[in-house]
Amino acid sequence: MRSRLRIGDVLGLSVTGLRFHLGRTALTALGIAFGIAAIVAVLGISASGRAALLAQLDRLGTNLIRVTPSGGVFGNADGLPPESVPMLARVGPVERVTSTALLDVDVLVNDLVSPLETGGLSVLAVPPNLPGALNTPLVAGSFLDEVTATVPTTVLGRVAAERLGIDDVGRSRRVYIGDEWFEVIGILAEMTLHPDIERSALIGEPIARDLFTDDLKPTALYARVHPRHVEDVLEVIPATVNPENPDRVAVVRPADALVARRQAEQALTTLLVSLGSVALLVGGVAIANVMVMSVLERRMEIGVRRALGATKRHVALQFMGEAVLLAGIGGVLGVGVGATITVAFAISRDLTLSVPLSGLAGSVLVALVVGALAGIYPATRAARIPPAEAVRST
């Protein structure tokens, strides 16, 4: 009667074979686990970073353009012309325009401290439409309106609020700007791509003219443009806002900084995935080595099984099953470790958690393929051992 070997039998034999060498099994599985964990963690962290980037782009918008004065050919950068805001607003595809004007005054906790103690914070005169144009929410209070822009009130950027020790506006909180006390009525949320605003106290343009200067020149313009015409508007902005000296106008799209940063991160991700693949390859070599050693140590077992009717195919399947099972254990362990690392990283960095399920399943599949390839030579070698020789050599 012809002997048969079912899938369940192969699995049972594989488990039994690995169980008798637990130390070796654990160490070899760890080699696979390290490679898979590295790949899963890198892919998971990369996906979470990509999700955070998309969220930032959605909030910021790829159609926001920032215009600032530059030094031109001869240096000597100055503010933009006062009429630059209405001139830019006349451009057809421009949907909204706002501005900031840097003032030559300091913002202090009180009138007894030095400006050095606040870390060089700035004061910006701004119109009430600034948060709407930049899509920037407030974490506390409210922004300037047509009324509060005419009186000594201020809204603090996130960094400015931290350095001034102000975390709420529930009770009367004041800061000393120039030679006047200003009441804090709001605190802006994080604005990573606008550090000048994050590190500033924002006051209304009318009160800035009344208290500090009549010559209020914008030092930065922000324009929301129809998404289909961004490139066209970028070309005409310099001549529009400063017709006499268009070379003294710098135009950037803040979203480009996010994209450039993401491209750099993708290059690093590719490197890390490559390193994880090398670790996985080393794990595969370790499996092959362990299985070859196992064949040499179990020649008696192979001989007895062959004498009892096992075919070459049955022996090959047994050792192939052990190699695949060993890699599968390492793969599952690696996926668990990699996913845990991804979750911990996302929580610590306050990122949107994004672990691709296809990547997890693919990682386990890769581990199984590595195990199968690593088991081909040991399984073939075991199958070729003649039963009589196996028993006699042992």
Protein backbone atom coordinates (compact mmCIF):
# COMPACT_ATOMS: atom_id res chain seq x y z
CA MET A 1 0.00 0.00 0.00
CA ARG A 2 1.40 3.41 -0.99
CA SER A 3 2.15 5.73 1.93
CA ARG A 4 0.44 9.14 2.03
CA LEU A 5 1.44 12.42 3.71
CA ARG A 6 -1.29 14.97 4.25
CA ILE A 7 -0.87 18.69 4.99
CA GLY A 8 -1.82 18.10 8.61
CA ASP A 9 0.85 15.43 8.88
CA VAL A 10 3.49 17.79 7.47
CA LEU A 11 2.49 20.47 9.96
CA GLY A 12 2.63 18.01 12.86
CA LEU A 13 6.04 16.71 11.84
CA SER A 14 7.33 20.28 11.42
CA VAL A 15 6.14 21.33 14.87
CA THR A 16 7.68 18.25 16.42
CA GLY A 17 10.99 18.79 14.65
CA LEU A 18 11.25 22.40 15.82
CA ARG A 19 10.09 21.64 19.36
CA PHE A 20 13.06 19.36 20.03
CA HIS A 21 15.46 22.26 19.33
CA LEU A 22 13.71 25.18 21.04
CA GLY A 23 16.82 27.27 21.65
CA ARG A 24 17.98 27.03 18.07
CA THR A 25 14.44 27.59 16.79
CA ALA A 26 14.01 30.74 18.90
CA LEU A 27 17.32 32.30 17.82
CA THR A 28 16.72 31.56 14.14
CA ALA A 29 13.16 32.90 14.28
CA LEU A 30 14.51 36.09 15.85
CA GLY A 31 16.72 36.62 12.80
CA ILE A 32 13.64 36.63 10.58
CA ALA A 33 11.69 38.67 13.15
CA PHE A 34 14.27 41.45 13.19
CA GLY A 35 14.17 41.82 9.42
CA ILE A 36 10.37 41.78 9.25
CA ALA A 37 10.03 44.14 12.25
CA ALA A 38 12.38 46.63 10.59
CA ILE A 39 10.43 46.55 7.33
CA VAL A 40 7.01 46.79 9.02
CA ALA A 41 8.13 49.61 11.33
CA VAL A 42 9.63 51.61 8.49
CA LEU A 43 6.57 51.13 6.27
CA GLY A 44 4.20 51.91 9.13
CA ILE A 45 6.06 55.02 10.24
CA SER A 46 6.34 56.14 6.62
CA ALA A 47 2.60 55.62 6.09
CA SER A 48 1.81 57.52 9.30
CA GLY A 49 4.08 60.35 8.20
CA ARG A 50 2.39 60.39 4.81
CA ALA A 51 -1.02 60.60 6.48
CA ALA A 52 0.19 63.49 8.62
CA LEU A 53 1.55 65.22 5.52
CA LEU A 54 -1.75 64.86 3.69
CA ALA A 55 -3.55 66.24 6.73
CA GLN A 56 -1.19 69.22 6.78
CA LEU A 57 -1.62 69.78 3.07
CA ASP A 58 -5.40 69.61 3.45
CA ARG A 59 -5.24 72.16 6.25
CA LEU A 60 -2.66 74.41 4.61
CA GLY A 61 -3.72 73.88 1.02
CA THR A 62 -1.39 73.65 -1.94
CA ASN A 63 -2.88 76.88 -3.28
CA LEU A 64 -1.41 79.18 -0.61
CA ILE A 65 1.31 81.54 -1.84
CA ARG A 66 3.63 83.56 0.39
CA VAL A 67 5.15 86.79 -0.88
CA THR A 68 8.01 88.56 0.92
CA PRO A 69 10.48 91.31 0.07
CA SER A 70 13.95 90.22 -1.00
CA GLY A 71 17.22 92.08 -1.33
CA GLY A 72 17.10 92.08 -5.11
CA VAL A 73 20.32 92.45 -7.04
CA PHE A 74 21.87 94.93 -4.60
CA GLY A 75 20.49 93.57 -1.32
CA ASN A 76 18.80 96.01 1.08
CA ALA A 77 15.46 94.18 1.50
CA ASP A 78 12.60 96.37 2.68
CA GLY A 79 8.87 96.03 3.14
CA LEU A 80 6.48 95.64 0.22
CA PRO A 81 4.63 98.70 -1.14
CA PRO A 82 1.54 99.57 0.95
CA GLU A 83 -0.67 99.16 -2.13
CA SER A 84 0.59 95.63 -2.79
CA VAL A 85 -2.36 94.01 -1.00
CA PRO A 86 -5.14 95.57 -3.13
CA MET A 87 -3.02 95.14 -6.26
CA LEU A 88 -2.61 91.42 -5.63
CA ALA A 89 -6.30 91.10 -4.80
CA ARG A 90 -7.14 92.35 -8.30
CA VAL A 91 -5.52 89.32 -9.96
CA GLY A 92 -8.42 87.19 -11.21
CA PRO A 93 -7.54 83.74 -9.80
CA VAL A 94 -6.61 85.20 -6.37
CA GLU A 95 -9.44 84.37 -3.98
CA ARG A 96 -8.18 85.89 -0.71
CA VAL A 97 -5.24 88.05 0.34
CA THR A 98 -3.94 88.84 3.80
CA SER A 99 -0.73 90.37 5.12
CA THR A 100 1.54 90.86 8.10
CA ALA A 101 3.74 93.87 8.90
CA LEU A 102 6.72 93.53 11.22
CA LEU A 103 6.93 96.29 13.84
CA ASP A 104 10.14 97.53 15.46
CA VAL A 105 8.89 97.00 19.03
CA ASP A 106 9.29 94.30 21.67
CA VAL A 107 6.74 92.15 23.44
CA LEU A 108 7.46 91.47 27.12
CA VAL A 109 5.81 89.74 30.05
CA ASN A 110 5.85 93.07 31.90
CA ASP A 111 7.65 96.39 31.91
CA LEU A 112 10.36 95.18 34.31
CA VAL A 113 12.04 92.50 32.17
CA SER A 114 14.54 92.68 29.31
CA PRO A 115 13.65 91.73 25.71
CA LEU A 116 16.36 89.09 25.95
CA GLU A 117 14.24 87.18 28.46
CA THR A 118 11.49 86.52 25.90
CA GLY A 119 13.77 84.98 23.28
CA GLY A 120 13.45 87.65 20.59
CA LEU A 121 9.70 87.54 19.99
CA SER A 122 8.26 89.80 17.30
CA VAL A 123 5.20 91.99 16.95
CA LEU A 124 3.15 91.84 13.73
CA ALA A 125 0.36 94.12 12.62
CA VAL A 126 -2.28 92.03 10.87
CA PRO A 127 -5.79 92.36 9.42
CA PRO A 128 -8.74 90.40 10.93
CA ASN A 129 -8.89 87.97 7.97
CA LEU A 130 -5.51 86.35 8.69
CA PRO A 131 -6.77 83.05 10.25
CA GLY A 132 -9.32 82.57 7.49
CA ALA A 133 -6.76 83.02 4.74
CA LEU A 134 -4.25 80.68 6.40
CA ASN A 135 -6.82 78.16 7.66
CA THR A 136 -5.37 78.49 11.15
CA PRO A 137 -7.61 77.75 14.14
CA LEU A 138 -7.18 79.12 17.64
CA VAL A 139 -6.58 76.97 20.70
CA ALA A 140 -7.97 79.62 23.02
CA GLY A 141 -9.98 82.82 22.83
CA SER A 142 -10.81 84.62 19.61
CA PHE A 143 -9.01 86.51 16.88
CA LEU A 144 -8.97 90.23 16.23
CA ASP A 145 -12.06 91.73 14.64
CA GLU A 146 -12.97 95.17 13.34
CA VAL A 147 -13.43 96.45 16.90
CA THR A 148 -10.62 94.76 18.85
CA ALA A 149 -8.15 95.66 16.07
CA THR A 150 -8.55 99.32 17.07
CA VAL A 151 -7.77 98.87 20.77
CA PRO A 152 -4.76 97.45 22.70
CA THR A 153 -5.52 93.74 22.32
CA THR A 154 -3.30 91.00 20.97
CA VAL A 155 -3.38 87.39 19.79
CA LEU A 156 -0.28 85.30 20.49
CA GLY A 157 1.35 82.70 18.30
CA ARG A 158 1.89 79.30 19.90
CA VAL A 159 5.61 79.76 20.59
CA ALA A 160 5.12 83.33 21.79
CA ALA A 161 2.47 82.19 24.25
CA GLU A 162 4.76 79.47 25.63
CA ARG A 163 7.68 81.84 26.12
CA LEU A 164 5.49 84.43 27.78
CA GLY A 165 4.01 81.81 30.09
CA ILE A 166 0.44 82.30 28.87
CA ASP A 167 -1.66 79.20 28.24
CA ASP A 168 -5.21 80.55 28.44
CA VAL A 169 -7.24 83.73 28.09
CA GLY A 170 -9.92 82.88 30.63
CA ARG A 171 -8.83 85.63 32.97
CA SER A 172 -7.34 89.03 32.24
CA ARG A 173 -3.86 88.37 30.81
CA ARG A 174 -1.72 91.23 29.57
CA VAL A 175 1.62 91.66 27.85
CA TYR A 176 3.78 94.75 27.44
CA ILE A 177 4.23 95.80 23.80
CA GLY A 178 6.29 98.90 23.09
CA ASP A 179 5.26 101.21 25.91
CA GLU A 180 1.67 99.95 26.18
CA TRP A 181 -0.17 97.14 27.91
CA PHE A 182 -2.12 94.85 25.57
CA GLU A 183 -4.75 92.37 26.68
CA VAL A 184 -4.34 88.83 25.31
CA ILE A 185 -7.61 87.73 23.71
CA GLY A 186 -6.48 84.61 21.80
CA ILE A 187 -3.76 82.03 21.17
CA LEU A 188 -3.16 80.52 17.72
CA ALA A 189 -2.75 76.81 17.05
CA GLU A 190 0.50 75.36 15.72
CA MET A 191 1.72 76.84 12.42
CA THR A 192 4.79 74.79 11.51
CA LEU A 193 5.35 76.46 8.15
CA HIS A 194 4.90 79.97 9.52
CA PRO A 195 7.49 80.34 12.31
CA ASP A 196 7.38 84.13 12.03
CA ILE A 197 3.72 84.09 13.08
CA GLU A 198 4.24 81.40 15.74
CA ARG A 199 6.86 83.59 17.42
CA SER A 200 4.88 86.81 17.33
CA ALA A 201 2.28 88.85 19.10
CA LEU A 202 -0.36 89.93 16.59
CA ILE A 203 -2.07 93.29 16.92
CA GLY A 204 -4.52 95.15 14.69
CA GLU A 205 -3.31 97.45 11.93
CA PRO A 206 -5.31 100.45 13.20
CA ILE A 207 -3.83 100.32 16.72
CA ALA A 208 -0.37 99.76 15.23
CA ARG A 209 -0.70 102.98 13.22
CA ASP A 210 -2.04 104.89 16.21
CA LEU A 211 0.68 103.81 18.66
CA PHE A 212 3.80 102.89 16.70
CA THR A 213 4.06 104.00 13.06
CA ASP A 214 2.18 105.73 10.27
CA ASP A 215 4.33 104.06 7.61
CA LEU A 216 2.98 100.50 7.88
CA LYS A 217 4.46 98.36 5.09
CA PRO A 218 3.57 94.70 4.63
CA THR A 219 6.52 92.37 5.21
CA ALA A 220 4.64 89.28 4.05
CA LEU A 221 1.59 88.65 1.87
CA TYR A 222 -0.45 85.43 1.82
CA ALA A 223 -2.69 84.73 -1.15
CA ARG A 224 -5.21 81.95 -1.70
CA VAL A 225 -5.34 81.15 -5.40
CA HIS A 226 -7.66 79.02 -7.49
CA PRO A 227 -5.92 75.60 -7.53
CA ARG A 228 -5.93 75.40 -11.34
CA HIS A 229 -4.10 78.72 -11.75
CA VAL A 230 -1.40 78.60 -9.07
CA GLU A 231 1.52 78.38 -11.51
CA ASP A 232 0.16 81.25 -13.61
CA VAL A 233 -0.25 83.50 -10.58
CA LEU A 234 3.26 82.68 -9.32
CA GLU A 235 4.69 84.18 -12.53
CA VAL A 236 2.83 87.50 -12.35
CA ILE A 237 3.06 88.23 -8.62
CA PRO A 238 6.47 90.02 -8.56
CA ALA A 239 5.48 92.54 -11.23
CA THR A 240 2.04 92.95 -9.67
CA VAL A 241 3.02 93.75 -6.08
CA ASN A 242 6.14 95.76 -6.92
CA PRO A 243 6.08 96.95 -10.56
CA GLU A 244 9.16 99.17 -10.12
CA ASN A 245 11.37 96.46 -8.57
CA PRO A 246 9.96 92.99 -9.28
CA ASP A 247 13.38 91.48 -8.57
CA ARG A 248 12.93 92.53 -4.93
CA VAL A 249 9.98 90.18 -4.45
CA ALA A 250 10.35 86.57 -3.28
CA VAL A 251 7.47 84.19 -3.97
CA VAL A 252 7.17 80.74 -2.43
CA ARG A 253 4.51 78.13 -1.89
CA PRO A 254 4.70 76.83 1.72
CA ALA A 255 3.26 73.47 0.65
CA ASP A 256 6.43 72.90 -1.39
CA ALA A 257 8.41 72.73 1.82
CA LEU A 258 6.20 69.89 3.04
CA VAL A 259 6.58 68.03 -0.24
CA ALA A 260 10.36 68.48 -0.23
CA ARG A 261 10.56 67.22 3.34
CA ARG A 262 8.47 64.22 2.41
CA GLN A 263 10.72 63.41 -0.52
CA ALA A 264 13.73 63.41 1.79
CA GLU A 265 11.88 61.13 4.19
CA GLN A 266 11.03 58.77 1.32
CA ALA A 267 14.71 58.48 0.42
CA LEU A 268 15.47 57.58 4.05
CA THR A 269 12.58 55.11 4.03
CA THR A 270 14.04 53.37 0.99
CA LEU A 271 17.38 53.07 2.77
CA LEU A 272 15.81 51.65 5.91
CA VAL A 273 13.70 49.15 3.96
CA SER A 274 16.87 48.04 2.19
CA LEU A 275 18.57 47.51 5.55
CA GLY A 276 15.55 45.53 6.74
CA SER A 277 15.73 43.41 3.60
CA VAL A 278 19.38 42.66 4.31
CA ALA A 279 18.44 41.58 7.82
CA LEU A 280 15.73 39.37 6.32
CA LEU A 281 18.26 37.84 3.93
CA VAL A 282 20.59 37.12 6.83
CA GLY A 283 17.68 35.45 8.61
CA GLY A 284 17.06 33.29 5.55
CA VAL A 285 20.70 32.22 5.46
CA ALA A 286 20.45 31.37 9.16
CA ILE A 287 17.41 29.17 8.47
CA ALA A 288 19.25 27.35 5.69
CA ASN A 289 22.24 26.80 7.98
CA VAL A 290 20.10 25.52 10.84
CA MET A 291 18.19 23.17 8.56
CA VAL A 292 21.41 21.76 7.07
CA MET A 293 22.70 21.12 10.60
CA SER A 294 19.37 19.52 11.45
CA VAL A 295 19.68 17.16 8.47
CA LEU A 296 23.12 16.07 9.60
CA GLU A 297 21.96 15.49 13.18
CA ARG A 298 18.78 13.59 12.20
CA ARG A 299 20.16 11.11 9.69
CA MET A 300 18.99 8.21 11.85
CA GLU A 301 15.45 9.62 11.93
CA ILE A 302 15.53 10.06 8.16
CA GLY A 303 16.76 6.48 7.68
CA VAL A 304 14.09 5.01 9.95
CA ARG A 305 11.32 6.95 8.23
CA ARG A 306 12.53 5.86 4.81
CA ALA A 307 12.71 2.23 6.00
CA LEU A 308 9.11 2.49 7.23
CA GLY A 309 7.89 3.60 3.81
CA ALA A 310 8.41 7.39 3.64
CA THR A 311 9.36 8.53 0.16
CA LYS A 312 11.95 11.13 -0.79
CA ARG A 313 9.10 13.56 -1.36
CA HIS A 314 7.79 12.99 2.18
CA VAL A 315 11.19 13.69 3.73
CA ALA A 316 11.68 16.78 1.59
CA LEU A 317 8.24 18.09 2.57
CA GLN A 318 9.00 17.55 6.26
CA PHE A 319 12.15 19.66 6.21
CA MET A 320 10.62 22.20 3.88
CA GLY A 321 7.68 22.48 6.29
CA GLU A 322 10.03 23.08 9.20
CA ALA A 323 11.82 25.87 7.33
CA VAL A 324 8.56 27.58 6.32
CA LEU A 325 7.09 27.22 9.82
CA LEU A 326 10.26 28.66 11.33
CA ALA A 327 10.12 31.63 9.00
CA GLY A 328 6.37 32.03 9.64
CA ILE A 329 6.92 32.22 13.39
CA GLY A 330 9.60 34.86 12.86
CA GLY A 331 7.39 36.73 10.42
CA VAL A 332 4.39 36.90 12.76
CA LEU A 333 6.64 37.95 15.65
CA GLY A 334 8.29 40.58 13.46
CA VAL A 335 4.94 41.98 12.34
CA GLY A 336 3.84 42.29 15.96
CA VAL A 337 7.04 44.05 17.00
CA GLY A 338 7.03 46.32 13.95
CA ALA A 339 3.38 47.30 14.46
CA THR A 340 4.06 48.03 18.14
CA ILE A 341 6.98 50.28 17.22
CA THR A 342 4.81 52.10 14.69
CA VAL A 343 2.02 52.69 17.22
CA ALA A 344 4.48 53.93 19.86
CA PHE A 345 6.14 56.29 17.37
CA ALA A 346 2.81 57.66 16.12
CA ILE A 347 1.61 58.31 19.67
CA SER A 348 4.87 59.96 20.74
CA ARG A 349 4.86 62.25 17.68
CA ASP A 350 1.10 62.84 17.70
CA LEU A 351 0.79 61.43 14.16
CA THR A 352 -2.21 59.89 12.48
CA LEU A 353 -1.70 56.14 12.90
CA SER A 354 -1.63 54.40 9.54
CA VAL A 355 -0.46 50.80 9.39
CA PRO A 356 -1.20 49.31 5.95
CA LEU A 357 -2.83 45.89 6.41
CA SER A 358 -1.56 44.84 3.00
CA GLY A 359 1.96 45.58 4.21
CA LEU A 360 1.47 43.41 7.29
CA ALA A 361 0.12 40.50 5.27
CA GLY A 362 2.81 41.00 2.66
CA SER A 363 5.53 40.92 5.30
CA VAL A 364 4.36 37.56 6.60
CA LEU A 365 4.16 36.29 3.02
CA VAL A 366 7.71 37.49 2.37
CA ALA A 367 8.90 35.65 5.48
CA LEU A 368 7.24 32.45 4.29
CA VAL A 369 8.81 32.79 0.85
CA VAL A 370 12.22 33.34 2.44
CA GLY A 371 11.69 30.25 4.58
CA ALA A 372 10.66 28.19 1.56
CA LEU A 373 13.69 29.28 -0.46
CA ALA A 374 15.99 28.68 2.50
CA GLY A 375 14.55 25.19 2.97
CA ILE A 376 15.01 23.97 -0.60
CA TYR A 377 18.63 22.86 -0.29
CA PRO A 378 18.34 21.20 3.17
CA ALA A 379 15.13 19.42 2.13
CA THR A 380 16.68 18.19 -1.10
CA ARG A 381 19.77 17.00 0.76
CA ALA A 382 17.69 15.15 3.33
CA ALA A 383 15.61 13.45 0.62
CA ARG A 384 18.71 12.16 -1.16
CA ILE A 385 20.17 10.30 1.85
CA PRO A 386 19.90 6.51 1.23
CA PRO A 387 18.10 4.77 4.16
CA ALA A 388 20.80 2.10 4.69
CA GLU A 389 23.60 4.68 4.68
CA ALA A 390 21.70 6.92 7.09
CA VAL A 391 21.24 4.14 9.63
CA ARG A 392 24.80 2.80 9.25
CA SER A 393 26.49 6.25 9.56
CA THR A 394 24.65 6.87 12.79
